[in-house]
Protein backbone atom coordinates (compact mmCIF):
# COMPACT_ATOMS: atom_id res chain seq x y z
CA MET A 1 73.84 127.86 83.15
CA MET A 2 73.23 128.54 79.66
CA TRP A 3 75.57 131.07 77.58
CA PRO A 4 73.62 132.72 74.88
CA ILE A 5 75.36 132.64 71.57
CA SER A 6 75.33 135.79 69.44
CA SER A 7 73.37 135.09 66.36
CA GLY A 8 75.23 138.02 64.56
CA SER A 9 78.61 138.03 63.06
CA GLY A 10 81.30 135.30 63.36
CA SER A 11 83.57 137.32 65.47
CA ASP A 12 80.59 137.67 68.14
CA ALA A 13 80.29 134.03 68.00
CA PHE A 14 84.12 133.58 68.68
CA ARG A 15 84.04 135.95 71.45
CA ASP A 16 81.07 134.05 73.13
CA LEU A 17 83.30 130.75 72.70
CA GLU A 18 86.21 132.27 74.15
CA ARG A 19 84.18 133.75 77.31
CA LEU A 20 82.95 130.15 77.50
CA GLN A 21 86.50 128.60 77.47
CA ARG A 22 87.53 131.08 80.13
CA GLU A 23 84.60 130.16 82.42
CA MET A 24 85.30 126.71 82.00
CA ASN A 25 88.99 127.23 82.75
CA ARG A 26 88.05 129.08 86.01
CA LEU A 27 85.59 126.49 87.03
CA PHE A 28 88.19 123.61 86.79
CA SER A 29 91.26 125.54 87.86
CA ASP A 30 90.87 124.17 91.50
CA PHE A 31 89.81 120.62 90.32
CA THR A 32 92.61 118.23 91.33
CA VAL A 33 92.60 114.68 89.98
CA ALA A 34 94.34 112.12 92.51
CA ASP A 35 96.68 111.12 89.64
CA GLU A 36 98.21 114.85 89.56
CA GLN A 37 99.73 114.25 93.37
CA PHE A 38 102.98 112.99 93.66
CA PRO A 39 103.65 110.54 94.90
CA ALA A 40 100.35 108.40 94.51
CA ILE A 41 99.87 106.74 97.89
CA ASN A 42 97.61 104.01 99.26
CA VAL A 43 96.66 103.87 103.07
CA TRP A 44 94.87 100.87 104.60
CA SER A 45 94.76 99.69 108.36
CA ASN A 46 93.45 96.75 110.64
CA GLN A 47 93.24 96.87 114.47
CA HIS A 48 97.23 96.33 114.71
CA GLU A 49 98.48 98.52 112.25
CA THR A 50 98.39 100.93 109.41
CA LEU A 51 100.09 100.29 106.13
CA VAL A 52 101.06 103.19 103.79
CA THR A 53 102.56 102.41 100.26
CA ALA A 54 103.94 105.40 98.16
CA GLU A 55 105.03 104.93 94.54
CA VAL A 56 108.40 106.90 94.21
CA PRO A 57 110.12 105.47 91.18
CA GLY A 58 113.61 106.81 90.11
CA ILE A 59 114.12 108.15 93.67
CA ASP A 60 117.16 107.22 95.85
CA PRO A 61 115.62 105.96 99.10
CA ALA A 62 118.42 107.91 100.82
CA GLN A 63 116.74 111.07 99.59
CA LEU A 64 113.42 110.28 101.23
CA SER A 65 112.37 111.53 104.69
CA ILE A 66 109.60 109.74 106.60
CA ASN A 67 108.32 111.77 109.72
CA VAL A 68 105.67 110.74 112.14
CA GLN A 69 104.06 113.09 114.81
CA GLY A 70 100.97 111.90 116.58
CA GLU A 71 98.58 110.64 114.09
CA VAL A 72 100.19 112.33 111.21
CA LEU A 73 102.74 110.80 108.67
CA THR A 74 104.85 112.91 106.39
CA ILE A 75 106.74 111.77 103.47
CA GLU A 76 109.11 114.40 101.78
CA GLY A 77 111.65 113.75 99.20
CA GLU A 78 112.82 115.12 95.84
CA ARG A 79 112.93 113.80 92.31
CA ALA A 80 115.75 115.25 90.11
CA GLU A 81 115.16 116.81 86.66
CA ALA A 82 115.72 114.42 83.84
CA ASP A 83 119.30 114.92 82.58
CA VAL A 84 118.47 116.16 78.83
CA SER A 85 120.87 117.94 76.38
CA ASP A 86 120.01 121.58 76.09
CA GLN A 87 119.65 120.96 72.38
CA ALA A 88 116.75 118.43 72.95
CA THR A 89 113.14 119.32 72.28
CA PHE A 90 110.46 117.77 74.64
CA HIS A 91 107.45 116.29 72.75
CA ARG A 92 105.76 115.28 75.85
CA VAL A 93 106.52 115.89 79.71
CA GLU A 94 104.26 113.90 82.14
CA ARG A 95 106.77 112.92 84.94
CA GLY A 96 107.26 115.92 87.20
CA TYR A 97 110.44 116.68 89.06
CA GLY A 98 111.29 118.84 92.32
CA ARG A 99 110.48 118.55 95.90
CA PHE A 100 107.35 116.93 97.26
CA ILE A 101 105.55 116.52 100.43
CA ARG A 102 102.75 114.19 101.16
CA THR A 103 100.95 114.33 104.74
CA VAL A 104 98.53 111.67 105.69
CA ARG A 105 96.38 111.60 108.68
CA LEU A 106 96.30 108.32 110.15
CA PRO A 107 93.35 106.77 111.67
CA TYR A 108 94.71 106.46 115.12
CA GLU A 109 97.99 107.17 117.07
CA ILE A 110 100.61 104.97 116.49
CA GLU A 111 103.92 103.66 118.16
CA SER A 112 106.34 106.12 116.36
CA ASP A 113 109.48 104.29 117.61
CA LYS A 114 108.29 101.07 116.04
CA VAL A 115 107.58 102.38 112.48
CA GLN A 116 109.52 100.28 109.75
CA ALA A 117 110.00 101.41 106.05
CA GLN A 118 110.99 99.31 103.04
CA TYR A 119 111.85 100.26 99.51
CA LYS A 120 111.52 97.93 96.65
CA LEU A 121 111.16 98.56 92.97
CA GLY A 122 110.21 101.90 93.43
CA VAL A 123 107.45 101.48 95.99
CA LEU A 124 107.90 102.79 99.48
CA LEU A 125 106.15 100.61 102.29
CA VAL A 126 105.75 102.28 105.76
CA SER A 127 104.48 100.03 108.54
CA LEU A 128 102.97 101.85 111.48
CA PRO A 129 101.89 100.00 114.46
CA ARG A 130 98.97 101.07 116.58
CA ALA A 131 99.60 102.46 120.02
CA GLU A 132 98.47 100.35 122.74
CA ALA A 133 96.60 103.22 124.33
CA SER A 134 94.54 103.61 121.19
CA LYS A 135 93.42 100.04 120.83
CA PRO A 136 89.92 99.16 122.01
CA LYS A 137 89.77 97.51 125.50
CA ARG A 138 87.25 95.02 126.17
CA ILE A 139 85.65 95.89 129.72
CA GLN A 140 84.31 92.84 131.84
CA ILE A 141 81.18 93.38 133.37
CA ALA A 142 80.80 92.36 137.04
CA GLY A 143 78.09 89.78 137.53
CA ALA A 144 75.38 90.56 140.32
């Protein structure tokens, strides 16, 4: 879409630029970059299990909650706000804080009573064994 720029006074051109900026902000307001979601997660699987890693640096593992229901994994927790003096002035804030919930649909049903979780160096690793009922079964063909 082309936006006509007024050839009149400088204030008209300025208004046109403001309108263009508003339109661009509107277009990108719903755009979400993966890096903006916390925690960042990876999910991969094989025929026996699904593994999920979540980057949760600075969070006490006791403050994390992991729930599995059917084919859905939910990781919840809270990252505390930085303990900074009221007189301090922030120059850059990139680490968010507060409650978070990440929900992942798994590729198959899992054995929820066999799920294991480990926390090491700020990374949560969740191992989700595949339910026997969801594993492919080889069917023998009877000969003639």
